[in-house]
Amino acid sequence: MKKMAVFLAVVVSLALLPGSSGEKRRPEDPQCQWVYQAWRQNIDEYAIVRASDPDKLQKEVNKRLKESWHPVGGISIVDSNCCQVMIR
């Protein structure tokens, strides 16, 4: 039940994000390309943080944030594990 509540909270929060009204950038958009290229040039490390529940994932992500890691995208549930992609 707790996992379902977390999942619903994430879905609702993503739906309320600014710019999520259906307006999407296309890959050929020059501004989109510039942001993508700048973002890729600054990646030195890539990690997938896994935890058995959302509370443990939150603690691990907070720990990595203090180590200059940055989350990319939202969380995923894979084989009953919570996952978050992080880069630095």
N, C-alpha and C. Protein backbone atom coordinates (compact mmCIF):
# COMPACT_ATOMS: atom_id res chain seq x y z
N MET A 1 0.83 -1.19 0.00
CA MET A 1 0.00 0.00 0.00
C MET A 1 0.87 1.26 0.00
N LYS A 2 1.97 1.23 0.79
CA LYS A 2 2.86 2.38 0.86
C LYS A 2 3.52 2.66 -0.50
N LYS A 3 3.90 1.59 -1.20
CA LYS A 3 4.53 1.75 -2.51
C LYS A 3 3.56 2.38 -3.50
N MET A 4 2.28 1.99 -3.43
CA MET A 4 1.28 2.55 -4.32
C MET A 4 1.09 4.03 -4.03
N ALA A 5 1.11 4.41 -2.75
CA ALA A 5 0.96 5.82 -2.39
C ALA A 5 2.14 6.64 -2.92
N VAL A 6 3.34 6.11 -2.81
CA VAL A 6 4.52 6.80 -3.32
C VAL A 6 4.44 6.93 -4.83
N PHE A 7 4.04 5.85 -5.50
CA PHE A 7 3.90 5.88 -6.95
C PHE A 7 2.90 6.94 -7.38
N LEU A 8 1.75 6.98 -6.73
CA LEU A 8 0.73 7.97 -7.08
C LEU A 8 1.21 9.39 -6.81
N ALA A 9 1.95 9.59 -5.74
CA ALA A 9 2.48 10.92 -5.43
C ALA A 9 3.46 11.37 -6.51
N VAL A 10 4.28 10.47 -7.00
CA VAL A 10 5.24 10.80 -8.06
C VAL A 10 4.50 11.14 -9.35
N VAL A 11 3.50 10.35 -9.70
CA VAL A 11 2.74 10.59 -10.93
C VAL A 11 2.04 11.95 -10.87
N VAL A 12 1.42 12.25 -9.75
CA VAL A 12 0.72 13.53 -9.61
C VAL A 12 1.70 14.69 -9.66
N SER A 13 2.83 14.57 -8.99
CA SER A 13 3.81 15.66 -8.99
C SER A 13 4.37 15.89 -10.39
N LEU A 14 4.59 14.83 -11.15
CA LEU A 14 5.09 14.99 -12.51
C LEU A 14 4.05 15.65 -13.41
N ALA A 15 2.79 15.34 -13.18
CA ALA A 15 1.73 15.95 -13.98
C ALA A 15 1.60 17.44 -13.70
N LEU A 16 1.99 17.88 -12.51
CA LEU A 16 1.85 19.28 -12.14
C LEU A 16 3.09 20.12 -12.43
N LEU A 17 4.15 19.50 -12.96
CA LEU A 17 5.37 20.25 -13.26
C LEU A 17 5.11 21.33 -14.30
N PRO A 18 5.76 22.48 -14.17
CA PRO A 18 5.62 23.51 -15.20
C PRO A 18 6.09 22.99 -16.55
N GLY A 19 5.38 23.31 -17.60
CA GLY A 19 5.77 22.87 -18.93
C GLY A 19 5.31 21.47 -19.27
N SER A 20 4.58 20.82 -18.36
CA SER A 20 4.11 19.47 -18.65
C SER A 20 2.71 19.48 -19.24
N SER A 21 2.31 20.59 -19.81
CA SER A 21 0.97 20.72 -20.37
C SER A 21 0.87 20.13 -21.77
N GLY A 22 1.80 19.28 -22.14
CA GLY A 22 1.76 18.67 -23.45
C GLY A 22 2.71 19.32 -24.44
N GLU A 23 3.28 20.46 -24.06
CA GLU A 23 4.24 21.14 -24.94
C GLU A 23 5.57 20.43 -24.83
N LYS A 24 5.98 19.77 -25.91
CA LYS A 24 7.22 19.00 -25.88
C LYS A 24 8.21 19.56 -26.88
N ARG A 25 9.46 19.49 -26.52
CA ARG A 25 10.50 19.92 -27.44
C ARG A 25 10.86 18.74 -28.34
N ARG A 26 11.18 19.05 -29.56
CA ARG A 26 11.60 18.03 -30.50
C ARG A 26 13.12 17.95 -30.50
N PRO A 27 13.68 16.78 -30.76
CA PRO A 27 15.15 16.65 -30.76
C PRO A 27 15.84 17.60 -31.72
N GLU A 28 15.17 17.98 -32.82
CA GLU A 28 15.82 18.88 -33.77
C GLU A 28 15.77 20.34 -33.34
N ASP A 29 15.05 20.65 -32.26
CA ASP A 29 14.98 22.01 -31.73
C ASP A 29 16.40 22.43 -31.31
N PRO A 30 16.94 23.55 -31.84
CA PRO A 30 18.31 23.97 -31.50
C PRO A 30 18.55 24.14 -30.01
N GLN A 31 17.57 24.67 -29.30
CA GLN A 31 17.75 24.86 -27.86
C GLN A 31 17.84 23.51 -27.15
N CYS A 32 17.04 22.56 -27.59
CA CYS A 32 17.07 21.22 -27.02
C CYS A 32 18.43 20.57 -27.27
N GLN A 33 18.95 20.70 -28.48
CA GLN A 33 20.25 20.13 -28.83
C GLN A 33 21.37 20.74 -27.99
N TRP A 34 21.33 22.06 -27.80
CA TRP A 34 22.36 22.74 -27.02
C TRP A 34 22.36 22.25 -25.58
N VAL A 35 21.19 22.14 -24.98
CA VAL A 35 21.08 21.68 -23.59
C VAL A 35 21.58 20.25 -23.49
N TYR A 36 21.19 19.41 -24.44
CA TYR A 36 21.60 18.01 -24.42
C TYR A 36 23.12 17.88 -24.53
N GLN A 37 23.72 18.60 -25.46
CA GLN A 37 25.17 18.53 -25.64
C GLN A 37 25.91 19.04 -24.41
N ALA A 38 25.46 20.15 -23.83
CA ALA A 38 26.10 20.70 -22.63
C ALA A 38 25.98 19.70 -21.48
N TRP A 39 24.83 19.08 -21.36
CA TRP A 39 24.59 18.12 -20.29
C TRP A 39 25.52 16.90 -20.44
N ARG A 40 25.63 16.36 -21.65
CA ARG A 40 26.47 15.18 -21.89
C ARG A 40 27.94 15.45 -21.66
N GLN A 41 28.42 16.64 -22.00
CA GLN A 41 29.84 16.95 -21.86
C GLN A 41 30.28 17.00 -20.41
N ASN A 42 29.36 17.19 -19.50
CA ASN A 42 29.70 17.34 -18.09
C ASN A 42 29.53 16.06 -17.28
N ILE A 43 29.20 14.96 -17.90
CA ILE A 43 28.99 13.71 -17.16
C ILE A 43 30.31 12.96 -17.05
N ASP A 44 30.74 12.73 -15.80
CA ASP A 44 31.94 11.93 -15.56
C ASP A 44 31.58 10.53 -15.07
N GLU A 45 30.48 10.44 -14.31
CA GLU A 45 30.08 9.15 -13.75
C GLU A 45 28.57 9.01 -13.84
N TYR A 46 28.12 7.77 -13.94
CA TYR A 46 26.71 7.41 -14.04
C TYR A 46 26.47 6.28 -13.05
N ALA A 47 25.41 6.37 -12.26
CA ALA A 47 25.12 5.32 -11.30
C ALA A 47 23.62 5.10 -11.20
N ILE A 48 23.25 3.87 -10.94
CA ILE A 48 21.86 3.54 -10.64
C ILE A 48 21.81 3.18 -9.16
N VAL A 49 21.12 4.00 -8.39
CA VAL A 49 21.00 3.77 -6.95
C VAL A 49 19.76 2.90 -6.74
N ARG A 50 19.92 1.80 -6.01
CA ARG A 50 18.82 0.87 -5.75
C ARG A 50 18.59 0.75 -4.25
N ALA A 51 17.33 0.58 -3.87
CA ALA A 51 17.00 0.36 -2.47
C ALA A 51 15.73 -0.49 -2.40
N SER A 52 15.55 -1.17 -1.29
CA SER A 52 14.41 -2.07 -1.15
C SER A 52 13.11 -1.34 -0.87
N ASP A 53 13.17 -0.08 -0.42
CA ASP A 53 11.95 0.70 -0.20
C ASP A 53 12.24 2.19 -0.40
N PRO A 54 11.20 3.01 -0.57
CA PRO A 54 11.39 4.43 -0.86
C PRO A 54 12.17 5.19 0.22
N ASP A 55 11.99 4.83 1.48
CA ASP A 55 12.70 5.53 2.55
C ASP A 55 14.21 5.31 2.45
N LYS A 56 14.62 4.08 2.16
CA LYS A 56 16.04 3.78 2.01
C LYS A 56 16.61 4.46 0.77
N LEU A 57 15.82 4.51 -0.30
CA LEU A 57 16.26 5.20 -1.51
C LEU A 57 16.47 6.68 -1.23
N GLN A 58 15.55 7.28 -0.51
CA GLN A 58 15.66 8.70 -0.16
C GLN A 58 16.95 8.97 0.61
N LYS A 59 17.27 8.13 1.57
CA LYS A 59 18.50 8.31 2.36
C LYS A 59 19.74 8.18 1.47
N GLU A 60 19.73 7.19 0.58
CA GLU A 60 20.88 6.98 -0.30
C GLU A 60 21.04 8.13 -1.29
N VAL A 61 19.93 8.61 -1.85
CA VAL A 61 20.00 9.73 -2.79
C VAL A 61 20.49 10.98 -2.07
N ASN A 62 19.99 11.25 -0.87
CA ASN A 62 20.45 12.42 -0.10
C ASN A 62 21.94 12.33 0.20
N LYS A 63 22.41 11.12 0.51
CA LYS A 63 23.84 10.93 0.76
C LYS A 63 24.66 11.27 -0.49
N ARG A 64 24.19 10.81 -1.64
CA ARG A 64 24.92 11.08 -2.89
C ARG A 64 24.83 12.54 -3.30
N LEU A 65 23.72 13.20 -3.00
CA LEU A 65 23.61 14.63 -3.32
C LEU A 65 24.72 15.42 -2.63
N LYS A 66 25.07 15.03 -1.41
CA LYS A 66 26.16 15.69 -0.68
C LYS A 66 27.52 15.38 -1.29
N GLU A 67 27.59 14.35 -2.14
CA GLU A 67 28.83 13.97 -2.81
C GLU A 67 28.86 14.47 -4.26
N SER A 68 28.06 15.49 -4.57
CA SER A 68 28.00 16.13 -5.89
C SER A 68 27.33 15.30 -6.98
N TRP A 69 26.52 14.33 -6.62
CA TRP A 69 25.74 13.58 -7.59
C TRP A 69 24.46 14.35 -7.87
N HIS A 70 23.86 14.14 -9.06
CA HIS A 70 22.61 14.79 -9.44
C HIS A 70 21.64 13.74 -9.97
N PRO A 71 20.39 13.75 -9.49
CA PRO A 71 19.42 12.78 -10.01
C PRO A 71 19.01 13.13 -11.43
N VAL A 72 18.71 12.11 -12.22
CA VAL A 72 18.25 12.30 -13.59
C VAL A 72 16.92 11.55 -13.71
N GLY A 73 15.88 12.26 -14.10
CA GLY A 73 14.57 11.63 -14.25
C GLY A 73 13.95 11.29 -12.92
N GLY A 74 12.93 10.48 -12.97
CA GLY A 74 12.21 10.08 -11.76
C GLY A 74 12.66 8.71 -11.27
N ILE A 75 12.01 8.26 -10.21
CA ILE A 75 12.34 6.95 -9.68
C ILE A 75 11.61 5.87 -10.47
N SER A 76 12.16 4.68 -10.45
CA SER A 76 11.56 3.53 -11.11
C SER A 76 11.47 2.39 -10.11
N ILE A 77 10.51 1.52 -10.31
CA ILE A 77 10.38 0.32 -9.49
C ILE A 77 10.74 -0.86 -10.39
N VAL A 78 11.80 -1.60 -10.01
CA VAL A 78 12.25 -2.75 -10.78
C VAL A 78 12.42 -3.93 -9.84
N ASP A 79 11.69 -5.01 -10.10
CA ASP A 79 11.76 -6.20 -9.25
C ASP A 79 11.63 -5.85 -7.78
N SER A 80 10.65 -5.05 -7.43
CA SER A 80 10.33 -4.59 -6.08
C SER A 80 11.46 -3.77 -5.43
N ASN A 81 12.37 -3.24 -6.25
CA ASN A 81 13.39 -2.31 -5.77
C ASN A 81 13.12 -0.92 -6.34
N CYS A 82 13.36 0.11 -5.56
CA CYS A 82 13.25 1.48 -6.03
C CYS A 82 14.60 1.87 -6.63
N CYS A 83 14.58 2.52 -7.78
CA CYS A 83 15.82 2.87 -8.46
C CYS A 83 15.81 4.36 -8.86
N GLN A 84 16.98 4.98 -8.80
CA GLN A 84 17.14 6.37 -9.23
C GLN A 84 18.48 6.48 -9.97
N VAL A 85 18.44 7.02 -11.18
CA VAL A 85 19.66 7.27 -11.94
C VAL A 85 20.29 8.56 -11.43
N MET A 86 21.61 8.54 -11.25
CA MET A 86 22.33 9.74 -10.80
C MET A 86 23.61 9.90 -11.62
N ILE A 87 23.99 11.14 -11.83
CA ILE A 87 25.21 11.45 -12.59
C ILE A 87 26.04 12.47 -11.82
N ARG A 88 27.31 12.52 -12.18
CA ARG A 88 28.18 13.61 -11.72
C ARG A 88 29.33 13.77 -12.68
